[in-house]
Amino acid sequence: MALVNVDSHDFLGLLSIIKNSLWLALTDQKLTPETKKVIDQAAKINQKLINQIKQASHG
């Protein structure tokens, strides 16, 4: 298996797009509570990834 070297800012840019998309989805008033729960979980996981990448790149 080959490893690919990617700068942290590449990941952070993509994760920011996901973060914004999830936030927009959460503002939809037509979502069921179950769907909102799933999107909220995805948003929390995405934020954890952002935090871990920031910590790894600065630590």
N, C-alpha and C. Protein backbone atom coordinates (compact mmCIF):
# COMPACT_ATOMS: atom_id res chain seq x y z
N MET A 1 0.84 -1.18 0.00
CA MET A 1 0.00 0.00 0.00
C MET A 1 0.89 1.24 0.00
N ALA A 2 0.60 2.18 -0.87
CA ALA A 2 1.37 3.41 -0.98
C ALA A 2 0.76 4.49 -0.11
N LEU A 3 1.61 5.29 0.46
CA LEU A 3 1.16 6.44 1.25
C LEU A 3 1.21 7.69 0.38
N VAL A 4 0.26 8.57 0.62
CA VAL A 4 0.21 9.82 -0.13
C VAL A 4 0.43 10.95 0.86
N ASN A 5 1.34 11.83 0.53
CA ASN A 5 1.63 12.97 1.37
C ASN A 5 0.68 14.12 1.01
N VAL A 6 -0.12 14.54 1.98
CA VAL A 6 -1.07 15.62 1.76
C VAL A 6 -0.90 16.62 2.90
N ASP A 7 -0.84 17.88 2.55
CA ASP A 7 -0.73 18.92 3.58
C ASP A 7 -2.03 19.04 4.36
N SER A 8 -1.90 19.43 5.63
CA SER A 8 -3.08 19.54 6.49
C SER A 8 -4.08 20.55 5.94
N HIS A 9 -3.59 21.62 5.29
CA HIS A 9 -4.52 22.63 4.79
C HIS A 9 -5.40 22.07 3.67
N ASP A 10 -4.91 21.04 2.96
CA ASP A 10 -5.74 20.41 1.93
C ASP A 10 -6.95 19.73 2.59
N PHE A 11 -6.69 18.98 3.66
CA PHE A 11 -7.78 18.32 4.38
C PHE A 11 -8.70 19.34 5.03
N LEU A 12 -8.12 20.37 5.63
CA LEU A 12 -8.95 21.36 6.33
C LEU A 12 -9.87 22.09 5.37
N GLY A 13 -9.39 22.34 4.17
CA GLY A 13 -10.25 22.99 3.18
C GLY A 13 -11.45 22.12 2.83
N LEU A 14 -11.19 20.84 2.60
CA LEU A 14 -12.29 19.93 2.27
C LEU A 14 -13.23 19.74 3.45
N LEU A 15 -12.67 19.61 4.65
CA LEU A 15 -13.51 19.44 5.84
C LEU A 15 -14.35 20.68 6.11
N SER A 16 -13.83 21.85 5.76
CA SER A 16 -14.62 23.09 5.92
C SER A 16 -15.81 23.11 4.97
N ILE A 17 -15.62 22.60 3.77
CA ILE A 17 -16.75 22.50 2.83
C ILE A 17 -17.80 21.55 3.38
N ILE A 18 -17.37 20.42 3.92
CA ILE A 18 -18.32 19.47 4.52
C ILE A 18 -19.02 20.12 5.70
N LYS A 19 -18.26 20.81 6.54
CA LYS A 19 -18.83 21.48 7.72
C LYS A 19 -19.94 22.46 7.32
N ASN A 20 -19.66 23.27 6.31
CA ASN A 20 -20.65 24.25 5.85
C ASN A 20 -21.88 23.57 5.24
N SER A 21 -21.65 22.50 4.50
CA SER A 21 -22.77 21.78 3.90
C SER A 21 -23.66 21.15 4.96
N LEU A 22 -23.04 20.58 5.99
CA LEU A 22 -23.82 19.98 7.08
C LEU A 22 -24.59 21.05 7.84
N TRP A 23 -23.96 22.19 8.05
CA TRP A 23 -24.65 23.29 8.75
C TRP A 23 -25.88 23.74 7.95
N LEU A 24 -25.70 23.87 6.63
CA LEU A 24 -26.84 24.26 5.79
C LEU A 24 -27.95 23.22 5.86
N ALA A 25 -27.56 21.96 5.84
CA ALA A 25 -28.56 20.90 5.92
C ALA A 25 -29.32 20.96 7.25
N LEU A 26 -28.62 21.27 8.32
CA LEU A 26 -29.27 21.33 9.64
C LEU A 26 -30.27 22.48 9.75
N THR A 27 -30.14 23.49 8.91
CA THR A 27 -31.07 24.61 8.97
C THR A 27 -32.38 24.34 8.22
N ASP A 28 -32.44 23.20 7.53
CA ASP A 28 -33.65 22.84 6.78
C ASP A 28 -34.76 22.46 7.75
N GLN A 29 -35.84 23.20 7.72
CA GLN A 29 -36.96 22.99 8.63
C GLN A 29 -37.75 21.72 8.33
N LYS A 30 -37.55 21.14 7.15
CA LYS A 30 -38.32 19.98 6.74
C LYS A 30 -37.71 18.65 7.20
N LEU A 31 -36.56 18.70 7.83
CA LEU A 31 -35.90 17.48 8.26
C LEU A 31 -36.64 16.82 9.42
N THR A 32 -36.64 15.51 9.40
CA THR A 32 -37.20 14.77 10.54
C THR A 32 -36.20 14.84 11.69
N PRO A 33 -36.67 14.63 12.91
CA PRO A 33 -35.73 14.61 14.04
C PRO A 33 -34.63 13.55 13.88
N GLU A 34 -34.97 12.42 13.30
CA GLU A 34 -33.98 11.36 13.09
C GLU A 34 -32.89 11.81 12.12
N THR A 35 -33.31 12.47 11.04
CA THR A 35 -32.35 12.96 10.05
C THR A 35 -31.47 14.04 10.65
N LYS A 36 -32.06 14.93 11.43
CA LYS A 36 -31.27 15.98 12.09
C LYS A 36 -30.24 15.37 13.02
N LYS A 37 -30.62 14.29 13.71
CA LYS A 37 -29.71 13.63 14.63
C LYS A 37 -28.51 13.06 13.87
N VAL A 38 -28.76 12.43 12.74
CA VAL A 38 -27.68 11.84 11.94
C VAL A 38 -26.76 12.93 11.40
N ILE A 39 -27.34 14.00 10.89
CA ILE A 39 -26.52 15.11 10.35
C ILE A 39 -25.72 15.76 11.47
N ASP A 40 -26.33 15.91 12.64
CA ASP A 40 -25.63 16.50 13.78
C ASP A 40 -24.44 15.63 14.19
N GLN A 41 -24.63 14.31 14.19
CA GLN A 41 -23.53 13.40 14.51
C GLN A 41 -22.40 13.54 13.48
N ALA A 42 -22.76 13.62 12.22
CA ALA A 42 -21.76 13.80 11.17
C ALA A 42 -21.01 15.11 11.36
N ALA A 43 -21.71 16.16 11.74
CA ALA A 43 -21.08 17.46 11.97
C ALA A 43 -20.10 17.39 13.14
N LYS A 44 -20.47 16.67 14.19
CA LYS A 44 -19.58 16.54 15.35
C LYS A 44 -18.33 15.74 14.99
N ILE A 45 -18.49 14.67 14.23
CA ILE A 45 -17.34 13.88 13.81
C ILE A 45 -16.43 14.70 12.90
N ASN A 46 -17.04 15.45 12.00
CA ASN A 46 -16.27 16.31 11.09
C ASN A 46 -15.46 17.32 11.90
N GLN A 47 -16.08 17.91 12.93
CA GLN A 47 -15.37 18.89 13.76
C GLN A 47 -14.23 18.23 14.52
N LYS A 48 -14.43 17.00 14.98
CA LYS A 48 -13.34 16.28 15.65
C LYS A 48 -12.16 16.09 14.71
N LEU A 49 -12.44 15.74 13.46
CA LEU A 49 -11.37 15.58 12.47
C LEU A 49 -10.63 16.89 12.26
N ILE A 50 -11.37 17.99 12.15
CA ILE A 50 -10.75 19.30 12.00
C ILE A 50 -9.83 19.59 13.18
N ASN A 51 -10.33 19.35 14.39
CA ASN A 51 -9.53 19.62 15.58
C ASN A 51 -8.28 18.75 15.64
N GLN A 52 -8.42 17.47 15.28
CA GLN A 52 -7.27 16.56 15.31
C GLN A 52 -6.21 16.97 14.28
N ILE A 53 -6.65 17.35 13.11
CA ILE A 53 -5.69 17.77 12.08
C ILE A 53 -4.98 19.06 12.50
N LYS A 54 -5.72 20.00 13.07
CA LYS A 54 -5.11 21.24 13.54
C LYS A 54 -4.10 20.96 14.65
N GLN A 55 -4.48 20.07 15.58
CA GLN A 55 -3.59 19.73 16.67
C GLN A 55 -2.33 19.03 16.16
N ALA A 56 -2.48 18.11 15.24
CA ALA A 56 -1.34 17.38 14.69
C ALA A 56 -0.40 18.28 13.91
N SER A 57 -0.96 19.25 13.22
CA SER A 57 -0.12 20.12 12.40
C SER A 57 0.57 21.21 13.22
N HIS A 58 0.06 21.47 14.42
CA HIS A 58 0.66 22.50 15.26
C HIS A 58 1.40 21.89 16.46
N GLY A 59 1.26 20.60 16.65
CA GLY A 59 1.85 19.99 17.83
C GLY A 59 3.00 19.18 17.50
